[in-house]
PDB file of N, CA and C in Angstrom:
ATOM      1  N   MET A   1       0.835  -1.165   0.000  1.00  0.00           N
ATOM      2  CA  MET A   1       0.000   0.000   0.000  1.00  0.00           C
ATOM      3  C   MET A   1       0.892   1.243   0.000  1.00  0.00           C
ATOM      4  N   SER A   2       0.625   2.127  -0.906  1.00  0.00           N
ATOM      5  CA  SER A   2       1.447   3.315  -0.969  1.00  0.00           C
ATOM      6  C   SER A   2       0.610   4.521  -0.571  1.00  0.00           C
ATOM      7  N   THR A   3       1.221   5.416   0.156  1.00  0.00           N
ATOM      8  CA  THR A   3       0.508   6.635   0.558  1.00  0.00           C
ATOM      9  C   THR A   3       1.187   7.827  -0.087  1.00  0.00           C
ATOM     10  N   ASP A   4       0.378   8.660  -0.646  1.00  0.00           N
ATOM     11  CA  ASP A   4       0.902   9.889  -1.226  1.00  0.00           C
ATOM     12  C   ASP A   4       0.836  10.984  -0.167  1.00  0.00           C
ATOM     13  N   THR A   5       1.943  11.604   0.037  1.00  0.00           N
ATOM     14  CA  THR A   5       1.945  12.719   0.985  1.00  0.00           C
ATOM     15  C   THR A   5       2.243  14.002   0.218  1.00  0.00           C
ATOM     16  N   GLU A   6       1.592  15.000   0.616  1.00  0.00           N
ATOM     17  CA  GLU A   6       1.756  16.298  -0.031  1.00  0.00           C
ATOM     18  C   GLU A   6       2.213  17.290   1.017  1.00  0.00           C
ATOM     19  N   GLU A   7       3.250  17.989   0.696  1.00  0.00           N
ATOM     20  CA  GLU A   7       3.760  18.985   1.637  1.00  0.00           C
ATOM     21  C   GLU A   7       3.052  20.298   1.371  1.00  0.00           C
ATOM     22  N   ILE A   8       2.521  20.867   2.412  1.00  0.00           N
ATOM     23  CA  ILE A   8       1.828  22.151   2.300  1.00  0.00           C
ATOM     24  C   ILE A   8       2.640  23.190   3.052  1.00  0.00           C
ATOM     25  N   THR A   9       2.961  24.229   2.355  1.00  0.00           N
ATOM     26  CA  THR A   9       3.699  25.323   2.976  1.00  0.00           C
ATOM     27  C   THR A   9       2.753  26.510   3.108  1.00  0.00           C
ATOM     28  N   ILE A  10       2.663  27.007   4.305  1.00  0.00           N
ATOM     29  CA  ILE A  10       1.818  28.169   4.560  1.00  0.00           C
ATOM     30  C   ILE A  10       2.735  29.364   4.764  1.00  0.00           C
ATOM     31  N   THR A  11       2.518  30.346   3.921  1.00  0.00           N
ATOM     32  CA  THR A  11       3.298  31.571   4.081  1.00  0.00           C
ATOM     33  C   THR A  11       2.360  32.667   4.539  1.00  0.00           C
ATOM     34  N   GLU A  12       2.884  33.487   5.388  1.00  0.00           N
ATOM     35  CA  GLU A  12       2.083  34.574   5.933  1.00  0.00           C
ATOM     36  C   GLU A  12       2.519  35.871   5.282  1.00  0.00           C
ATOM     37  N   GLU A  13       1.576  36.523   4.640  1.00  0.00           N
ATOM     38  CA  GLU A  13       1.879  37.803   4.024  1.00  0.00           C
ATOM     39  C   GLU A  13       1.261  38.914   4.849  1.00  0.00           C
ATOM     40  N   LYS A  14       2.034  39.936   5.061  1.00  0.00           N
ATOM     41  CA  LYS A  14       1.498  41.095   5.762  1.00  0.00           C
ATOM     42  C   LYS A  14       0.950  42.054   4.724  1.00  0.00           C
ATOM     43  N   THR A  15      -0.163  42.630   5.045  1.00  0.00           N
ATOM     44  CA  THR A  15      -0.779  43.554   4.099  1.00  0.00           C
ATOM     45  C   THR A  15      -0.026  44.872   4.088  1.00  0.00           C
ATOM     46  N   GLU A  16      -0.276  45.642   3.043  1.00  0.00           N
ATOM     47  CA  GLU A  16       0.358  46.953   2.941  1.00  0.00           C
ATOM     48  C   GLU A  16      -0.020  47.840   4.115  1.00  0.00           C
ATOM     49  N   VAL A  17      -1.244  47.688   4.590  1.00  0.00           N
ATOM     50  CA  VAL A  17      -1.706  48.523   5.701  1.00  0.00           C
ATOM     51  C   VAL A  17      -0.856  48.277   6.941  1.00  0.00           C
ATOM     52  N   GLU A  18      -0.531  47.001   7.200  1.00  0.00           N
ATOM     53  CA  GLU A  18       0.288  46.706   8.376  1.00  0.00           C
ATOM     54  C   GLU A  18       1.675  47.324   8.233  1.00  0.00           C
ATOM     55  N   HIS A  19       2.246  47.251   7.028  1.00  0.00           N
ATOM     56  CA  HIS A  19       3.556  47.853   6.794  1.00  0.00           C
ATOM     57  C   HIS A  19       3.471  49.371   6.832  1.00  0.00           C
ATOM     58  N   ASP A  20       2.314  49.858   6.565  1.00  0.00           N
ATOM     59  CA  ASP A  20       2.082  51.272   6.364  1.00  0.00           C
ATOM     60  C   ASP A  20       1.839  52.050   7.655  1.00  0.00           C
ATOM     61  N   LEU A  21       1.641  51.359   8.756  1.00  0.00           N
ATOM     62  CA  LEU A  21       1.295  52.041  10.001  1.00  0.00           C
ATOM     63  C   LEU A  21       2.513  52.597  10.689  1.00  0.00           C
ATOM     64  N   PRO A  22       2.379  53.598  11.462  1.00  0.00           N
ATOM     65  CA  PRO A  22       1.263  54.540  11.550  1.00  0.00           C
ATOM     66  C   PRO A  22       1.569  55.819  10.783  1.00  0.00           C
ATOM     67  N   TRP A  23       0.539  56.603  10.567  1.00  0.00           N
ATOM     68  CA  TRP A  23       0.645  57.909   9.916  1.00  0.00           C
ATOM     69  C   TRP A  23       0.082  58.966  10.857  1.00  0.00           C
ATOM     70  N   ASN A  24       0.730  60.122  10.875  1.00  0.00           N
ATOM     71  CA  ASN A  24       0.274  61.243  11.695  1.00  0.00           C
ATOM     72  C   ASN A  24      -0.517  62.233  10.845  1.00  0.00           C
ATOM     73  N   VAL A  25      -1.557  62.778  11.432  1.00  0.00           N
ATOM     74  CA  VAL A  25      -2.261  63.909  10.837  1.00  0.00           C
ATOM     75  C   VAL A  25      -1.765  65.143  11.569  1.00  0.00           C
ATOM     76  N   LEU A  26      -1.219  66.081  10.807  1.00  0.00           N
ATOM     77  CA  LEU A  26      -0.686  67.303  11.389  1.00  0.00           C
ATOM     78  C   LEU A  26      -1.531  68.503  10.987  1.00  0.00           C
ATOM     79  N   VAL A  27      -1.702  69.403  11.926  1.00  0.00           N
ATOM     80  CA  VAL A  27      -2.329  70.698  11.648  1.00  0.00           C
ATOM     81  C   VAL A  27      -1.247  71.742  11.882  1.00  0.00           C
ATOM     82  N   TYR A  28      -1.138  72.661  10.923  1.00  0.00           N
ATOM     83  CA  TYR A  28      -0.121  73.702  10.988  1.00  0.00           C
ATOM     84  C   TYR A  28      -0.748  75.055  11.316  1.00  0.00           C
ATOM     85  N   ASP A  29       0.051  75.894  11.944  1.00  0.00           N
ATOM     86  CA  ASP A  29      -0.394  77.243  12.287  1.00  0.00           C
ATOM     87  C   ASP A  29      -0.565  78.063  11.018  1.00  0.00           C
ATOM     88  N   ASP A  30      -1.563  78.905  11.012  1.00  0.00           N
ATOM     89  CA  ASP A  30      -1.763  79.822   9.892  1.00  0.00           C
ATOM     90  C   ASP A  30      -2.234  81.160  10.446  1.00  0.00           C
ATOM     91  N   PRO A  31      -2.009  82.241   9.716  1.00  0.00           N
ATOM     92  CA  PRO A  31      -2.370  83.561  10.209  1.00  0.00           C
ATOM     93  C   PRO A  31      -3.834  83.939   9.974  1.00  0.00           C
ATOM     94  N   VAL A  32      -4.617  83.050   9.398  1.00  0.00           N
ATOM     95  CA  VAL A  32      -5.978  83.385   8.991  1.00  0.00           C
ATOM     96  C   VAL A  32      -7.033  82.941  10.004  1.00  0.00           C
ATOM     97  N   ASN A  33      -6.986  81.689  10.407  1.00  0.00           N
ATOM     98  CA  ASN A  33      -8.059  81.124  11.240  1.00  0.00           C
ATOM     99  C   ASN A  33      -7.935  81.504  12.712  1.00  0.00           C
ATOM    100  N   LEU A  34      -9.073  81.818  13.309  1.00  0.00           N
ATOM    101  CA  LEU A  34      -9.114  82.110  14.738  1.00  0.00           C
ATOM    102  C   LEU A  34      -8.892  80.830  15.535  1.00  0.00           C
ATOM    103  N   MET A  35      -8.311  80.986  16.716  1.00  0.00           N
ATOM    104  CA  MET A  35      -8.046  79.829  17.559  1.00  0.00           C
ATOM    105  C   MET A  35      -9.338  79.101  17.922  1.00  0.00           C
ATOM    106  N   SER A  36     -10.403  79.832  18.158  1.00  0.00           N
ATOM    107  CA  SER A  36     -11.681  79.209  18.501  1.00  0.00           C
ATOM    108  C   SER A  36     -12.220  78.380  17.337  1.00  0.00           C
ATOM    109  N   PHE A  37     -11.987  78.847  16.099  1.00  0.00           N
ATOM    110  CA  PHE A  37     -12.421  78.107  14.920  1.00  0.00           C
ATOM    111  C   PHE A  37     -11.628  76.809  14.770  1.00  0.00           C
ATOM    112  N   VAL A  38     -10.316  76.879  14.952  1.00  0.00           N
ATOM    113  CA  VAL A  38      -9.467  75.683  14.869  1.00  0.00           C
ATOM    114  C   VAL A  38      -9.906  74.662  15.912  1.00  0.00           C
ATOM    115  N   THR A  39     -10.175  75.128  17.126  1.00  0.00           N
ATOM    116  CA  THR A  39     -10.651  74.239  18.197  1.00  0.00           C
ATOM    117  C   THR A  39     -11.954  73.568  17.788  1.00  0.00           C
ATOM    118  N   LEU A  40     -12.892  74.332  17.272  1.00  0.00           N
ATOM    119  CA  LEU A  40     -14.185  73.797  16.861  1.00  0.00           C
ATOM    120  C   LEU A  40     -14.048  72.739  15.774  1.00  0.00           C
ATOM    121  N   ILE A  41     -13.212  72.991  14.779  1.00  0.00           N
ATOM    122  CA  ILE A  41     -13.041  72.037  13.680  1.00  0.00           C
ATOM    123  C   ILE A  41     -12.367  70.758  14.173  1.00  0.00           C
ATOM    124  N   ILE A  42     -11.386  70.870  15.031  1.00  0.00           N
ATOM    125  CA  ILE A  42     -10.742  69.671  15.599  1.00  0.00           C
ATOM    126  C   ILE A  42     -11.769  68.849  16.363  1.00  0.00           C
ATOM    127  N   GLN A  43     -12.625  69.507  17.121  1.00  0.00           N
ATOM    128  CA  GLN A  43     -13.691  68.801  17.843  1.00  0.00           C
ATOM    129  C   GLN A  43     -14.617  68.070  16.870  1.00  0.00           C
ATOM    130  N   ARG A  44     -15.051  68.767  15.843  1.00  0.00           N
ATOM    131  CA  ARG A  44     -16.007  68.189  14.888  1.00  0.00           C
ATOM    132  C   ARG A  44     -15.424  67.017  14.107  1.00  0.00           C
ATOM    133  N   VAL A  45     -14.200  67.183  13.609  1.00  0.00           N
ATOM    134  CA  VAL A  45     -13.600  66.151  12.759  1.00  0.00           C
ATOM    135  C   VAL A  45     -13.243  64.901  13.563  1.00  0.00           C
ATOM    136  N   PHE A  46     -12.673  65.078  14.752  1.00  0.00           N
ATOM    137  CA  PHE A  46     -12.172  63.931  15.509  1.00  0.00           C
ATOM    138  C   PHE A  46     -13.071  63.500  16.660  1.00  0.00           C
ATOM    139  N   GLY A  47     -14.047  64.334  17.005  1.00  0.00           N
ATOM    140  CA  GLY A  47     -14.923  63.996  18.123  1.00  0.00           C
ATOM    141  C   GLY A  47     -14.264  64.170  19.484  1.00  0.00           C
ATOM    142  N   TYR A  48     -13.227  64.989  19.535  1.00  0.00           N
ATOM    143  CA  TYR A  48     -12.520  65.227  20.790  1.00  0.00           C
ATOM    144  C   TYR A  48     -13.331  66.158  21.691  1.00  0.00           C
ATOM    145  N   THR A  49     -13.019  66.097  22.973  1.00  0.00           N
ATOM    146  CA  THR A  49     -13.617  67.030  23.918  1.00  0.00           C
ATOM    147  C   THR A  49     -13.063  68.430  23.643  1.00  0.00           C
ATOM    148  N   LYS A  50     -13.757  69.428  24.146  1.00  0.00           N
ATOM    149  CA  LYS A  50     -13.293  70.804  23.969  1.00  0.00           C
ATOM    150  C   LYS A  50     -11.921  70.991  24.606  1.00  0.00           C
ATOM    151  N   THR A  51     -11.709  70.378  25.747  1.00  0.00           N
ATOM    152  CA  THR A  51     -10.427  70.495  26.450  1.00  0.00           C
ATOM    153  C   THR A  51      -9.281  69.938  25.608  1.00  0.00           C
ATOM    154  N   LYS A  52      -9.477  68.750  25.037  1.00  0.00           N
ATOM    155  CA  LYS A  52      -8.425  68.141  24.217  1.00  0.00           C
ATOM    156  C   LYS A  52      -8.200  68.965  22.950  1.00  0.00           C
ATOM    157  N   ALA A  53      -9.277  69.399  22.313  1.00  0.00           N
ATOM    158  CA  ALA A  53      -9.156  70.203  21.092  1.00  0.00           C
ATOM    159  C   ALA A  53      -8.421  71.517  21.374  1.00  0.00           C
ATOM    160  N   GLU A  54      -8.709  72.137  22.518  1.00  0.00           N
ATOM    161  CA  GLU A  54      -8.022  73.391  22.893  1.00  0.00           C
ATOM    162  C   GLU A  54      -6.542  73.144  23.130  1.00  0.00           C
ATOM    163  N   MET A  55      -6.204  72.008  23.755  1.00  0.00           N
ATOM    164  CA  MET A  55      -4.808  71.672  23.999  1.00  0.00           C
ATOM    165  C   MET A  55      -4.053  71.510  22.672  1.00  0.00           C
ATOM    166  N   LEU A  56      -4.674  70.810  21.714  1.00  0.00           N
ATOM    167  CA  LEU A  56      -4.049  70.619  20.408  1.00  0.00           C
ATOM    168  C   LEU A  56      -3.926  71.939  19.656  1.00  0.00           C
ATOM    169  N   MET A  57      -4.958  72.772  19.738  1.00  0.00           N
ATOM    170  CA  MET A  57      -4.931  74.080  19.090  1.00  0.00           C
ATOM    171  C   MET A  57      -3.810  74.942  19.670  1.00  0.00           C
ATOM    172  N   MET A  58      -3.629  74.916  20.974  1.00  0.00           N
ATOM    173  CA  MET A  58      -2.563  75.705  21.607  1.00  0.00           C
ATOM    174  C   MET A  58      -1.185  75.202  21.177  1.00  0.00           C
ATOM    175  N   GLU A  59      -1.068  73.896  20.989  1.00  0.00           N
ATOM    176  CA  GLU A  59       0.197  73.341  20.486  1.00  0.00           C
ATOM    177  C   GLU A  59       0.471  73.858  19.064  1.00  0.00           C
ATOM    178  N   VAL A  60      -0.558  73.904  18.248  1.00  0.00           N
ATOM    179  CA  VAL A  60      -0.432  74.464  16.896  1.00  0.00           C
ATOM    180  C   VAL A  60       0.005  75.924  16.991  1.00  0.00           C
ATOM    181  N   HIS A  61      -0.644  76.680  17.849  1.00  0.00           N
ATOM    182  CA  HIS A  61      -0.364  78.101  17.999  1.00  0.00           C
ATOM    183  C   HIS A  61       1.053  78.360  18.515  1.00  0.00           C
ATOM    184  N   GLN A  62       1.483  77.586  19.499  1.00  0.00           N
ATOM    185  CA  GLN A  62       2.776  77.836  20.140  1.00  0.00           C
ATOM    186  C   GLN A  62       3.955  77.201  19.411  1.00  0.00           C
ATOM    187  N   LYS A  63       3.746  75.991  18.862  1.00  0.00           N
ATOM    188  CA  LYS A  63       4.854  75.267  18.227  1.00  0.00           C
ATOM    189  C   LYS A  63       4.809  75.302  16.700  1.00  0.00           C
ATOM    190  N   GLY A  64       3.699  75.797  16.150  1.00  0.00           N
ATOM    191  CA  GLY A  64       3.590  75.874  14.705  1.00  0.00           C
ATOM    192  C   GLY A  64       2.931  74.663  14.066  1.00  0.00           C
ATOM    193  N   GLU A  65       2.812  73.588  14.821  1.00  0.00           N
ATOM    194  CA  GLU A  65       2.158  72.373  14.322  1.00  0.00           C
ATOM    195  C   GLU A  65       1.789  71.469  15.487  1.00  0.00           C
ATOM    196  N   SER A  66       0.876  70.540  15.205  1.00  0.00           N
ATOM    197  CA  SER A  66       0.486  69.563  16.211  1.00  0.00           C
ATOM    198  C   SER A  66       0.048  68.274  15.525  1.00  0.00           C
ATOM    199  N   VAL A  67       0.441  67.148  16.107  1.00  0.00           N
ATOM    200  CA  VAL A  67      -0.058  65.856  15.647  1.00  0.00           C
ATOM    201  C   VAL A  67      -1.416  65.680  16.318  1.00  0.00           C
ATOM    202  N   VAL A  68      -2.476  65.704  15.518  1.00  0.00           N
ATOM    203  CA  VAL A  68      -3.820  65.646  16.076  1.00  0.00           C
ATOM    204  C   VAL A  68      -4.429  64.248  16.032  1.00  0.00           C
ATOM    205  N   TRP A  69      -3.807  63.339  15.262  1.00  0.00           N
ATOM    206  CA  TRP A  69      -4.308  61.965  15.174  1.00  0.00           C
ATOM    207  C   TRP A  69      -3.225  61.089  14.575  1.00  0.00           C
ATOM    208  N   THR A  70      -3.192  59.807  14.968  1.00  0.00           N
ATOM    209  CA  THR A  70      -2.245  58.841  14.413  1.00  0.00           C
ATOM    210  C   THR A  70      -2.978  57.540  14.127  1.00  0.00           C
ATOM    211  N   GLY A  71      -2.699  56.947  12.958  1.00  0.00           N
ATOM    212  CA  GLY A  71      -3.332  55.678  12.606  1.00  0.00           C
ATOM    213  C   GLY A  71      -3.060  55.291  11.172  1.00  0.00           C
ATOM    214  N   GLU A  72      -3.974  54.515  10.580  1.00  0.00           N
ATOM    215  CA  GLU A  72      -3.769  54.011   9.221  1.00  0.00           C
ATOM    216  C   GLU A  72      -3.854  55.125   8.185  1.00  0.00           C
ATOM    217  N   ARG A  73      -3.149  54.917   7.092  1.00  0.00           N
ATOM    218  CA  ARG A  73      -2.997  55.966   6.074  1.00  0.00           C
ATOM    219  C   ARG A  73      -4.320  56.409   5.455  1.00  0.00           C
ATOM    220  N   GLU A  74      -5.166  55.466   5.088  1.00  0.00           N
ATOM    221  CA  GLU A  74      -6.412  55.816   4.415  1.00  0.00           C
ATOM    222  C   GLU A  74      -7.278  56.735   5.277  1.00  0.00           C
ATOM    223  N   LYS A  75      -7.370  56.412   6.555  1.00  0.00           N
ATOM    224  CA  LYS A  75      -8.163  57.244   7.469  1.00  0.00           C
ATOM    225  C   LYS A  75      -7.485  58.601   7.678  1.00  0.00           C
ATOM    226  N   ALA A  76      -6.156  58.601   7.742  1.00  0.00           N
ATOM    227  CA  ALA A  76      -5.407  59.849   7.892  1.00  0.00           C
ATOM    228  C   ALA A  76      -5.666  60.772   6.706  1.00  0.00           C
ATOM    229  N   GLU A  77      -5.686  60.198   5.502  1.00  0.00           N
ATOM    230  CA  GLU A  77      -5.947  61.007   4.312  1.00  0.00           C
ATOM    231  C   GLU A  77      -7.353  61.608   4.355  1.00  0.00           C
ATOM    232  N   LEU A  78      -8.313  60.838   4.839  1.00  0.00           N
ATOM    233  CA  LEU A  78      -9.687  61.336   4.972  1.00  0.00           C
ATOM    234  C   LEU A  78      -9.739  62.500   5.959  1.00  0.00           C
ATOM    235  N   TYR A  79      -9.066  62.348   7.102  1.00  0.00           N
ATOM    236  CA  TYR A  79      -9.052  63.424   8.092  1.00  0.00           C
ATOM    237  C   TYR A  79      -8.417  64.696   7.524  1.00  0.00           C
ATOM    238  N   VAL A  80      -7.323  64.542   6.790  1.00  0.00           N
ATOM    239  CA  VAL A  80      -6.664  65.713   6.198  1.00  0.00           C
ATOM    240  C   VAL A  80      -7.607  66.401   5.224  1.00  0.00           C
ATOM    241  N   GLN A  81      -8.304  65.613   4.422  1.00  0.00           N
ATOM    242  CA  GLN A  81      -9.262  66.179   3.474  1.00  0.00           C
ATOM    243  C   GLN A  81     -10.361  66.958   4.206  1.00  0.00           C
ATOM    244  N   GLN A  82     -10.848  66.398   5.305  1.00  0.00           N
ATOM    245  CA  GLN A  82     -11.891  67.083   6.079  1.00  0.00           C
ATOM    246  C   GLN A  82     -11.365  68.384   6.680  1.00  0.00           C
ATOM    247  N   LEU A  83     -10.170  68.350   7.238  1.00  0.00           N
ATOM    248  CA  LEU A  83      -9.575  69.554   7.819  1.00  0.00           C
ATOM    249  C   LEU A  83      -9.358  70.618   6.750  1.00  0.00           C
ATOM    250  N   GLN A  84      -8.853  70.213   5.593  1.00  0.00           N
ATOM    251  CA  GLN A  84      -8.604  71.154   4.512  1.00  0.00           C
ATOM    252  C   GLN A  84      -9.900  71.740   3.952  1.00  0.00           C
ATOM    253  N   SER A  85     -10.977  70.966   4.010  1.00  0.00           N
ATOM    254  CA  SER A  85     -12.251  71.489   3.522  1.00  0.00           C
ATOM    255  C   SER A  85     -12.754  72.647   4.395  1.00  0.00           C
ATOM    256  N   HIS A  86     -12.209  72.745   5.608  1.00  0.00           N
ATOM    257  CA  HIS A  86     -12.526  73.861   6.515  1.00  0.00           C
ATOM    258  C   HIS A  86     -11.418  74.913   6.495  1.00  0.00           C
ATOM    259  N   GLN A  87     -10.572  74.840   5.484  1.00  0.00           N
ATOM    260  CA  GLN A  87      -9.485  75.813   5.255  1.00  0.00           C
ATOM    261  C   GLN A  87      -8.371  75.754   6.301  1.00  0.00           C
ATOM    262  N   LEU A  88      -8.208  74.619   6.990  1.00  0.00           N
ATOM    263  CA  LEU A  88      -7.066  74.469   7.899  1.00  0.00           C
ATOM    264  C   LEU A  88      -5.889  73.908   7.117  1.00  0.00           C
ATOM    265  N   LEU A  89      -4.687  74.310   7.504  1.00  0.00           N
ATOM    266  CA  LEU A  89      -3.488  73.755   6.907  1.00  0.00           C
ATOM    267  C   LEU A  89      -3.207  72.418   7.582  1.00  0.00           C
ATOM    268  N   ALA A  90      -3.309  71.328   6.814  1.00  0.00           N
ATOM    269  CA  ALA A  90      -3.146  69.994   7.381  1.00  0.00           C
ATOM    270  C   ALA A  90      -2.449  69.090   6.388  1.00  0.00           C
ATOM    271  N   ALA A  91      -1.759  68.078   6.904  1.00  0.00           N
ATOM    272  CA  ALA A  91      -1.042  67.127   6.058  1.00  0.00           C
ATOM    273  C   ALA A  91      -0.865  65.821   6.820  1.00  0.00           C
ATOM    274  N   ILE A  92      -0.495  64.771   6.076  1.00  0.00           N
ATOM    275  CA  ILE A  92      -0.136  63.522   6.743  1.00  0.00           C
ATOM    276  C   ILE A  92       1.367  63.333   6.626  1.00  0.00           C
ATOM    277  N   LYS A  93       1.920  62.634   7.590  1.00  0.00           N
ATOM    278  CA  LYS A  93       3.352  62.373   7.618  1.00  0.00           C
ATOM    279  C   LYS A  93       3.558  61.024   8.294  1.00  0.00           C
ATOM    280  N   LYS A  94       4.417  60.222   7.739  1.00  0.00           N
ATOM    281  CA  LYS A  94       4.715  58.911   8.319  1.00  0.00           C
ATOM    282  C   LYS A  94       5.264  59.115   9.727  1.00  0.00           C
ATOM    283  N   ALA A  95       4.691  58.396  10.673  1.00  0.00           N
ATOM    284  CA  ALA A  95       5.151  58.497  12.060  1.00  0.00           C
ATOM    285  C   ALA A  95       6.473  57.759  12.208  1.00  0.00           C
ATOM    286  N   ASN A  96       7.290  58.227  13.103  1.00  0.00           N
ATOM    287  CA  ASN A  96       8.595  57.574  13.341  1.00  0.00           C
ATOM    288  C   ASN A  96       8.501  56.490  14.363  1.00  0.00           C
TER     289      ASN A  96
END
């Protein structure tokens, strides 16, 4: 009696998203928007509390930029688009 054996090799592939993590959403200081407006938009886009949004806005004001969110690239791009639609200076940058 002969038995046929078949070797099965399972390889694990990581998706681009896993390799791609994380990305930062940055908001930059600009001379046009009021601080209260920046706070309001950060609250609306990210659902943050007023206290957290004010803290991030003050970081933008004092340091010139703030990382307001970190995560997967596709979602980061959506957030940047939403921020820019409200005339805020925003971009994504690969996190270190």
